[in-house]
Amino acid sequence: MRQIILDTETTGLEATKGHRVIEIGLIELSERRRTGARFHRYLNPEREIDRGALEVHGIDDAFLRDKPRFAEVAQEMLDFIGDAELVIHNAAFDLGFLDQELALAGRAERLAGRAVLDTLALARERFPGQRNSLDALCKRFGVDASQREVHGALLDASLLAEVYLALTAGQGDLGFATETPAATVVRRELGAGALALRVVRAGPDEARAHVARLEAIEKLTKGACVWLKLEPTPVPEAA
């Protein structure tokens, strides 16, 4: 199965208020393995970046001034995605922005109708009531995010790939698919002698303690100790 891990950075938080995409990061997985293929573009949004957004990703207007517009890279992005399943953290956010960009570019294609796995929804289902941001999940699964001083679409997509593999480790794998470090099936051959079980019998003191406990239960339940009714247990003689 082919999957694309997707992340974006934007000029602000709301596409409906005219904010635009300024960075796209895509990483390809095939059968839960990185293929090494990736798509990464910075974009000129043709508008200023909000101060709050700048503090999150550190990408400023001057850096983006000579970058291509979304319309110039749209086909390349769509070709890279193809018919793959999209894996996105908080999918509604990124898809809302990208579909707006496609509309502004005069494109008929939309990403929202494609196969999408939202890792935020998946994490909330698995860890209800806990923090499930990408940073929190990196810490929970031991994914090294030490280089993430600011957000970046390609870096975050790379981190999300590791989080996704850890979050879904073992799901849908009955041992027939290609194994990965996150979901390895361990097999061990057992010799015939490995099934021989050692029988350990109770000694006299243990048996007497057992009978005493059953008699106490019998007294407490007023004669309703099922064990004594099914199999009366004699007290063994001392050795």
C-alpha atoms as a PDB file:
ATOM      1  CA  MET A   1       0.000   0.000   0.000  1.00  0.00           C
ATOM      2  CA  ARG A   2       1.264   3.462  -0.921  1.00  0.00           C
ATOM      3  CA  GLN A   3       0.778   6.334   1.540  1.00  0.00           C
ATOM      4  CA  ILE A   4       1.772   9.987   1.561  1.00  0.00           C
ATOM      5  CA  ILE A   5       2.557  11.739   4.843  1.00  0.00           C
ATOM      6  CA  LEU A   6       1.474  15.362   4.380  1.00  0.00           C
ATOM      7  CA  ASP A   7       2.054  18.595   6.253  1.00  0.00           C
ATOM      8  CA  THR A   8       1.784  22.299   5.427  1.00  0.00           C
ATOM      9  CA  GLU A   9       2.730  25.656   6.895  1.00  0.00           C
ATOM     10  CA  THR A  10       0.512  28.688   6.337  1.00  0.00           C
ATOM     11  CA  THR A  11       0.327  32.471   6.740  1.00  0.00           C
ATOM     12  CA  GLY A  12      -2.286  32.081   9.493  1.00  0.00           C
ATOM     13  CA  LEU A  13      -4.814  29.751  11.025  1.00  0.00           C
ATOM     14  CA  GLU A  14      -7.933  30.234   8.883  1.00  0.00           C
ATOM     15  CA  ALA A  15      -8.176  29.559   5.186  1.00  0.00           C
ATOM     16  CA  THR A  16     -11.643  31.159   5.133  1.00  0.00           C
ATOM     17  CA  LYS A  17     -10.048  34.479   6.118  1.00  0.00           C
ATOM     18  CA  GLY A  18      -7.724  34.513   3.129  1.00  0.00           C
ATOM     19  CA  HIS A  19      -4.689  32.836   4.648  1.00  0.00           C
ATOM     20  CA  ARG A  20      -2.502  30.846   2.271  1.00  0.00           C
ATOM     21  CA  VAL A  21      -0.122  27.893   2.139  1.00  0.00           C
ATOM     22  CA  ILE A  22       3.584  28.789   2.255  1.00  0.00           C
ATOM     23  CA  GLU A  23       5.196  25.340   2.562  1.00  0.00           C
ATOM     24  CA  ILE A  24       4.238  21.812   1.551  1.00  0.00           C
ATOM     25  CA  GLY A  25       6.057  18.673   2.741  1.00  0.00           C
ATOM     26  CA  LEU A  26       5.195  15.191   1.465  1.00  0.00           C
ATOM     27  CA  ILE A  27       6.939  11.900   2.299  1.00  0.00           C
ATOM     28  CA  GLU A  28       6.188   8.618   0.554  1.00  0.00           C
ATOM     29  CA  LEU A  29       5.656   5.306   2.341  1.00  0.00           C
ATOM     30  CA  SER A  30       5.221   1.979   0.585  1.00  0.00           C
ATOM     31  CA  GLU A  31       4.124  -1.037   2.652  1.00  0.00           C
ATOM     32  CA  ARG A  32       4.906   1.000   5.791  1.00  0.00           C
ATOM     33  CA  ARG A  33       8.463   1.750   4.678  1.00  0.00           C
ATOM     34  CA  ARG A  34       9.989   5.063   3.611  1.00  0.00           C
ATOM     35  CA  THR A  35      10.909   4.946  -0.051  1.00  0.00           C
ATOM     36  CA  GLY A  36      13.132   8.034   0.070  1.00  0.00           C
ATOM     37  CA  ALA A  37      10.805   9.906  -2.308  1.00  0.00           C
ATOM     38  CA  ARG A  38       9.599  13.290  -1.093  1.00  0.00           C
ATOM     39  CA  PHE A  39       8.049  16.507  -2.354  1.00  0.00           C
ATOM     40  CA  HIS A  40       8.978  19.826  -0.714  1.00  0.00           C
ATOM     41  CA  ARG A  41       8.180  23.337  -1.859  1.00  0.00           C
ATOM     42  CA  TYR A  42       8.155  26.819  -0.338  1.00  0.00           C
ATOM     43  CA  LEU A  43       5.502  29.087  -1.859  1.00  0.00           C
ATOM     44  CA  ASN A  44       4.927  32.783  -2.319  1.00  0.00           C
ATOM     45  CA  PRO A  45       1.496  33.341  -0.707  1.00  0.00           C
ATOM     46  CA  GLU A  46       1.034  36.782  -2.251  1.00  0.00           C
ATOM     47  CA  ARG A  47       0.132  38.205   1.125  1.00  0.00           C
ATOM     48  CA  GLU A  48       1.817  38.969   4.456  1.00  0.00           C
ATOM     49  CA  ILE A  49       2.384  36.341   7.129  1.00  0.00           C
ATOM     50  CA  ASP A  50       0.665  36.860  10.483  1.00  0.00           C
ATOM     51  CA  ARG A  51       3.019  37.513  13.384  1.00  0.00           C
ATOM     52  CA  GLY A  52       1.623  34.535  15.310  1.00  0.00           C
ATOM     53  CA  ALA A  53       2.277  32.204  12.389  1.00  0.00           C
ATOM     54  CA  LEU A  54       5.787  33.611  11.955  1.00  0.00           C
ATOM     55  CA  GLU A  55       6.561  32.726  15.573  1.00  0.00           C
ATOM     56  CA  VAL A  56       5.454  29.141  14.912  1.00  0.00           C
ATOM     57  CA  HIS A  57       7.366  28.372  11.703  1.00  0.00           C
ATOM     58  CA  GLY A  58       9.928  31.207  11.413  1.00  0.00           C
ATOM     59  CA  ILE A  59       9.338  31.674   7.670  1.00  0.00           C
ATOM     60  CA  ASP A  60       9.222  35.367   6.783  1.00  0.00           C
ATOM     61  CA  ASP A  61       7.899  37.364   3.830  1.00  0.00           C
ATOM     62  CA  ALA A  62      11.349  38.206   2.458  1.00  0.00           C
ATOM     63  CA  PHE A  63      12.324  34.522   2.229  1.00  0.00           C
ATOM     64  CA  LEU A  64       9.198  33.687   0.209  1.00  0.00           C
ATOM     65  CA  ARG A  65       9.324  36.634  -2.181  1.00  0.00           C
ATOM     66  CA  ASP A  66      11.096  34.753  -5.000  1.00  0.00           C
ATOM     67  CA  LYS A  67       9.356  31.405  -4.438  1.00  0.00           C
ATOM     68  CA  PRO A  68       6.810  29.958  -6.921  1.00  0.00           C
ATOM     69  CA  ARG A  69       3.063  30.441  -6.562  1.00  0.00           C
ATOM     70  CA  PHE A  70       0.931  27.425  -5.649  1.00  0.00           C
ATOM     71  CA  ALA A  71      -0.548  27.267  -9.151  1.00  0.00           C
ATOM     72  CA  GLU A  72       2.947  26.657 -10.526  1.00  0.00           C
ATOM     73  CA  VAL A  73       3.523  23.524  -8.417  1.00  0.00           C
ATOM     74  CA  ALA A  74      -0.048  22.185  -8.139  1.00  0.00           C
ATOM     75  CA  GLN A  75       0.252  19.589 -10.902  1.00  0.00           C
ATOM     76  CA  GLU A  76       3.604  18.356  -9.610  1.00  0.00           C
ATOM     77  CA  MET A  77       2.104  17.954  -6.138  1.00  0.00           C
ATOM     78  CA  LEU A  78      -0.944  16.085  -7.450  1.00  0.00           C
ATOM     79  CA  ASP A  79       1.238  13.810  -9.575  1.00  0.00           C
ATOM     80  CA  PHE A  80       3.374  12.986  -6.536  1.00  0.00           C
ATOM     81  CA  ILE A  81       0.302  12.155  -4.440  1.00  0.00           C
ATOM     82  CA  GLY A  82      -1.345  10.091  -7.183  1.00  0.00           C
ATOM     83  CA  ASP A  83      -3.933   7.724  -5.716  1.00  0.00           C
ATOM     84  CA  ALA A  84      -2.094   7.200  -2.413  1.00  0.00           C
ATOM     85  CA  GLU A  85      -3.783   7.372   0.978  1.00  0.00           C
ATOM     86  CA  LEU A  86      -2.976  10.649   2.756  1.00  0.00           C
ATOM     87  CA  VAL A  87      -1.748  10.538   6.353  1.00  0.00           C
ATOM     88  CA  ILE A  88      -2.190  13.920   8.063  1.00  0.00           C
ATOM     89  CA  HIS A  89      -2.208  15.198  11.652  1.00  0.00           C
ATOM     90  CA  ASN A  90      -5.387  17.275  12.025  1.00  0.00           C
ATOM     91  CA  ALA A  91      -6.384  16.590   8.439  1.00  0.00           C
ATOM     92  CA  ALA A  92      -9.207  19.146   8.264  1.00  0.00           C
ATOM     93  CA  PHE A  93      -6.703  21.991   8.654  1.00  0.00           C
ATOM     94  CA  ASP A  94      -4.287  20.993   5.888  1.00  0.00           C
ATOM     95  CA  LEU A  95      -6.953  19.772   3.483  1.00  0.00           C
ATOM     96  CA  GLY A  96      -8.961  22.960   3.943  1.00  0.00           C
ATOM     97  CA  PHE A  97      -5.957  25.054   2.965  1.00  0.00           C
ATOM     98  CA  LEU A  98      -4.854  22.878   0.054  1.00  0.00           C
ATOM     99  CA  ASP A  99      -8.339  22.615  -1.411  1.00  0.00           C
ATOM    100  CA  GLN A 100      -8.662  26.394  -1.188  1.00  0.00           C
ATOM    101  CA  GLU A 101      -5.338  26.725  -3.021  1.00  0.00           C
ATOM    102  CA  LEU A 102      -6.540  24.332  -5.722  1.00  0.00           C
ATOM    103  CA  ALA A 103      -9.714  26.386  -6.122  1.00  0.00           C
ATOM    104  CA  LEU A 104      -7.763  29.663  -6.341  1.00  0.00           C
ATOM    105  CA  ALA A 105      -5.525  28.081  -8.965  1.00  0.00           C
ATOM    106  CA  GLY A 106      -8.601  27.237 -11.047  1.00  0.00           C
ATOM    107  CA  ARG A 107      -8.165  23.492 -10.530  1.00  0.00           C
ATOM    108  CA  ALA A 108     -11.096  21.074 -10.350  1.00  0.00           C
ATOM    109  CA  GLU A 109      -9.242  18.532  -8.176  1.00  0.00           C
ATOM    110  CA  ARG A 110      -9.824  18.339  -4.422  1.00  0.00           C
ATOM    111  CA  LEU A 111      -7.967  16.343  -1.765  1.00  0.00           C
ATOM    112  CA  ALA A 112     -10.761  16.152   0.817  1.00  0.00           C
ATOM    113  CA  GLY A 113     -12.593  13.411  -1.111  1.00  0.00           C
ATOM    114  CA  ARG A 114      -9.597  11.078  -1.163  1.00  0.00           C
ATOM    115  CA  ALA A 115      -8.618   8.321   1.277  1.00  0.00           C
ATOM    116  CA  VAL A 116      -7.322  10.154   4.349  1.00  0.00           C
ATOM    117  CA  LEU A 117      -6.066   8.878   7.699  1.00  0.00           C
ATOM    118  CA  ASP A 118      -6.136  11.553  10.417  1.00  0.00           C
ATOM    119  CA  THR A 119      -3.506  10.693  13.032  1.00  0.00           C
ATOM    120  CA  LEU A 120      -4.943  13.250  15.460  1.00  0.00           C
ATOM    121  CA  ALA A 121      -8.302  11.449  15.487  1.00  0.00           C
ATOM    122  CA  LEU A 122      -6.481   8.124  15.788  1.00  0.00           C
ATOM    123  CA  ALA A 123      -4.398   9.370  18.736  1.00  0.00           C
ATOM    124  CA  ARG A 124      -7.451  10.805  20.516  1.00  0.00           C
ATOM    125  CA  GLU A 125      -9.173   7.450  20.212  1.00  0.00           C
ATOM    126  CA  ARG A 126      -6.169   5.604  21.604  1.00  0.00           C
ATOM    127  CA  PHE A 127      -5.196   8.172  24.266  1.00  0.00           C
ATOM    128  CA  PRO A 128      -8.452   9.889  25.320  1.00  0.00           C
ATOM    129  CA  GLY A 129      -8.071  12.895  27.585  1.00  0.00           C
ATOM    130  CA  GLN A 130      -4.323  13.208  26.914  1.00  0.00           C
ATOM    131  CA  ARG A 131      -2.323  15.731  24.880  1.00  0.00           C
ATOM    132  CA  ASN A 132      -2.077  14.439  21.323  1.00  0.00           C
ATOM    133  CA  SER A 133      -0.145  17.164  19.535  1.00  0.00           C
ATOM    134  CA  LEU A 134       2.713  16.024  17.302  1.00  0.00           C
ATOM    135  CA  ASP A 135       5.206  17.099  19.986  1.00  0.00           C
ATOM    136  CA  ALA A 136       3.341  15.123  22.667  1.00  0.00           C
ATOM    137  CA  LEU A 137       3.182  12.018  20.488  1.00  0.00           C
ATOM    138  CA  CYS A 138       6.888  12.268  19.651  1.00  0.00           C
ATOM    139  CA  LYS A 139       7.647  12.218  23.380  1.00  0.00           C
ATOM    140  CA  ARG A 140       5.188   9.382  24.022  1.00  0.00           C
ATOM    141  CA  PHE A 141       6.700   7.161  21.335  1.00  0.00           C
ATOM    142  CA  GLY A 142      10.333   8.185  21.811  1.00  0.00           C
ATOM    143  CA  VAL A 143      10.631   9.896  18.412  1.00  0.00           C
ATOM    144  CA  ASP A 144      13.596  12.296  18.383  1.00  0.00           C
ATOM    145  CA  ALA A 145      12.220  15.798  17.762  1.00  0.00           C
ATOM    146  CA  SER A 146      15.273  17.644  19.088  1.00  0.00           C
ATOM    147  CA  GLN A 147      15.771  19.445  15.749  1.00  0.00           C
ATOM    148  CA  ARG A 148      12.254  20.878  15.835  1.00  0.00           C
ATOM    149  CA  GLU A 149      12.967  24.348  17.199  1.00  0.00           C
ATOM    150  CA  VAL A 150      10.240  25.699  14.893  1.00  0.00           C
ATOM    151  CA  HIS A 151       7.589  23.993  12.783  1.00  0.00           C
ATOM    152  CA  GLY A 152       8.445  23.060   9.209  1.00  0.00           C
ATOM    153  CA  ALA A 153       6.321  21.101   6.745  1.00  0.00           C
ATOM    154  CA  LEU A 154       8.984  18.619   5.639  1.00  0.00           C
ATOM    155  CA  LEU A 155      10.435  18.140   9.124  1.00  0.00           C
ATOM    156  CA  ASP A 156       6.977  17.696  10.637  1.00  0.00           C
ATOM    157  CA  ALA A 157       6.006  15.229   7.901  1.00  0.00           C
ATOM    158  CA  SER A 158       9.139  13.228   8.693  1.00  0.00           C
ATOM    159  CA  LEU A 159       8.320  13.184  12.417  1.00  0.00           C
ATOM    160  CA  LEU A 160       4.714  12.298  11.666  1.00  0.00           C
ATOM    161  CA  ALA A 161       5.859   9.332   9.572  1.00  0.00           C
ATOM    162  CA  GLU A 162       7.630   7.890  12.629  1.00  0.00           C
ATOM    163  CA  VAL A 163       4.699   8.691  14.930  1.00  0.00           C
ATOM    164  CA  TYR A 164       2.228   7.116  12.498  1.00  0.00           C
ATOM    165  CA  LEU A 165       4.242   3.889  12.296  1.00  0.00           C
ATOM    166  CA  ALA A 166       4.460   3.699  16.092  1.00  0.00           C
ATOM    167  CA  LEU A 167       0.796   4.627  16.560  1.00  0.00           C
ATOM    168  CA  THR A 168      -0.385   1.904  14.195  1.00  0.00           C
ATOM    169  CA  ALA A 169       2.229  -0.734  15.025  1.00  0.00           C
ATOM    170  CA  GLY A 170       0.782  -4.208  14.565  1.00  0.00           C
ATOM    171  CA  GLN A 171      -2.551  -3.060  13.125  1.00  0.00           C
ATOM    172  CA  GLY A 172      -3.653  -5.042  10.114  1.00  0.00           C
ATOM    173  CA  ASP A 173      -0.496  -7.186  10.158  1.00  0.00           C
ATOM    174  CA  LEU A 174      -1.049 -10.934  10.465  1.00  0.00           C
ATOM    175  CA  GLY A 175       2.526 -11.697   9.565  1.00  0.00           C
ATOM    176  CA  PHE A 176       2.006 -11.678   5.789  1.00  0.00           C
ATOM    177  CA  ALA A 177       2.973  -8.077   5.043  1.00  0.00           C
ATOM    178  CA  THR A 178       6.496  -6.713   4.893  1.00  0.00           C
ATOM    179  CA  GLU A 179       7.835  -6.285   8.390  1.00  0.00           C
ATOM    180  CA  THR A 180       9.001  -2.936   9.717  1.00  0.00           C
ATOM    181  CA  PRO A 181      10.873  -1.934  12.888  1.00  0.00           C
ATOM    182  CA  ALA A 182       7.618  -0.526  14.277  1.00  0.00           C
ATOM    183  CA  ALA A 183       5.619  -3.694  13.784  1.00  0.00           C
ATOM    184  CA  THR A 184       7.934  -6.660  13.750  1.00  0.00           C
ATOM    185  CA  VAL A 185       6.473 -10.127  14.130  1.00  0.00           C
ATOM    186  CA  VAL A 186       8.776 -12.230  16.279  1.00  0.00           C
ATOM    187  CA  ARG A 187       8.787 -15.955  15.512  1.00  0.00           C
ATOM    188  CA  ARG A 188      10.510 -18.728  17.433  1.00  0.00           C
ATOM    189  CA  GLU A 189      10.741 -22.410  16.646  1.00  0.00           C
ATOM    190  CA  LEU A 190      10.003 -24.730  19.594  1.00  0.00           C
ATOM    191  CA  GLY A 191      11.535 -28.171  19.850  1.00  0.00           C
ATOM    192  CA  ALA A 192       9.395 -31.159  20.859  1.00  0.00           C
ATOM    193  CA  GLY A 193      10.849 -31.114  24.363  1.00  0.00           C
ATOM    194  CA  ALA A 194       9.772 -27.486  24.869  1.00  0.00           C
ATOM    195  CA  LEU A 195       6.158 -28.596  25.398  1.00  0.00           C
ATOM    196  CA  ALA A 196       6.910 -30.970  28.298  1.00  0.00           C
ATOM    197  CA  LEU A 197       5.422 -29.348  31.404  1.00  0.00           C
ATOM    198  CA  ARG A 198       6.796 -29.757  34.893  1.00  0.00           C
ATOM    199  CA  VAL A 199       4.110 -30.709  37.442  1.00  0.00           C
ATOM    200  CA  VAL A 200       4.567 -29.170  40.900  1.00  0.00           C
ATOM    201  CA  ARG A 201       2.322 -30.715  43.590  1.00  0.00           C
ATOM    202  CA  ALA A 202       1.299 -29.008  46.826  1.00  0.00           C
ATOM    203  CA  GLY A 203       3.002 -30.200  49.992  1.00  0.00           C
ATOM    204  CA  PRO A 204       1.084 -31.222  53.152  1.00  0.00           C
ATOM    205  CA  ASP A 205       1.238 -27.761  54.743  1.00  0.00           C
ATOM    206  CA  GLU A 206       0.007 -26.064  51.567  1.00  0.00           C
ATOM    207  CA  ALA A 207      -2.803 -28.591  51.181  1.00  0.00           C
ATOM    208  CA  ARG A 208      -3.960 -28.097  54.795  1.00  0.00           C
ATOM    209  CA  ALA A 209      -3.947 -24.298  54.289  1.00  0.00           C
ATOM    210  CA  HIS A 210      -6.014 -24.796  51.141  1.00  0.00           C
ATOM    211  CA  VAL A 211      -8.603 -26.917  52.952  1.00  0.00           C
ATOM    212  CA  ALA A 212      -8.776 -24.402  55.796  1.00  0.00           C
ATOM    213  CA  ARG A 213      -9.527 -21.625  53.309  1.00  0.00           C
ATOM    214  CA  LEU A 214     -12.262 -23.703  51.661  1.00  0.00           C
ATOM    215  CA  GLU A 215     -13.838 -24.460  55.047  1.00  0.00           C
ATOM    216  CA  ALA A 216     -13.809 -20.738  55.888  1.00  0.00           C
ATOM    217  CA  ILE A 217     -15.557 -19.999  52.593  1.00  0.00           C
ATOM    218  CA  GLU A 218     -18.057 -22.788  53.315  1.00  0.00           C
ATOM    219  CA  LYS A 219     -18.852 -21.248  56.708  1.00  0.00           C
ATOM    220  CA  LEU A 220     -19.066 -17.681  55.375  1.00  0.00           C
ATOM    221  CA  THR A 221     -21.385 -18.697  52.518  1.00  0.00           C
ATOM    222  CA  LYS A 222     -23.473 -20.998  54.757  1.00  0.00           C
ATOM    223  CA  GLY A 223     -22.706 -24.174  52.855  1.00  0.00           C
ATOM    224  CA  ALA A 224     -22.400 -22.712  49.350  1.00  0.00           C
ATOM    225  CA  CYS A 225     -18.720 -23.472  48.629  1.00  0.00           C
ATOM    226  CA  VAL A 226     -19.019 -25.087  45.199  1.00  0.00           C
ATOM    227  CA  TRP A 227     -15.487 -26.491  45.244  1.00  0.00           C
ATOM    228  CA  LEU A 228     -16.191 -28.662  48.305  1.00  0.00           C
ATOM    229  CA  LYS A 229     -19.422 -29.930  46.766  1.00  0.00           C
ATOM    230  CA  LEU A 230     -17.763 -30.934  43.503  1.00  0.00           C
ATOM    231  CA  GLU A 231     -14.566 -32.390  44.903  1.00  0.00           C
ATOM    232  CA  PRO A 232     -14.153 -32.826  48.669  1.00  0.00           C
ATOM    233  CA  THR A 233     -10.509 -32.290  49.540  1.00  0.00           C
ATOM    234  CA  PRO A 234      -9.007 -34.537  52.250  1.00  0.00           C
ATOM    235  CA  VAL A 235      -6.214 -33.205  54.395  1.00  0.00           C
ATOM    236  CA  PRO A 236      -3.023 -35.092  53.542  1.00  0.00           C
ATOM    237  CA  GLU A 237      -1.083 -36.900  56.212  1.00  0.00           C
ATOM    238  CA  ALA A 238       2.148 -35.325  57.398  1.00  0.00           C
ATOM    239  CA  ALA A 239       5.220 -36.815  55.772  1.00  0.00           C
END
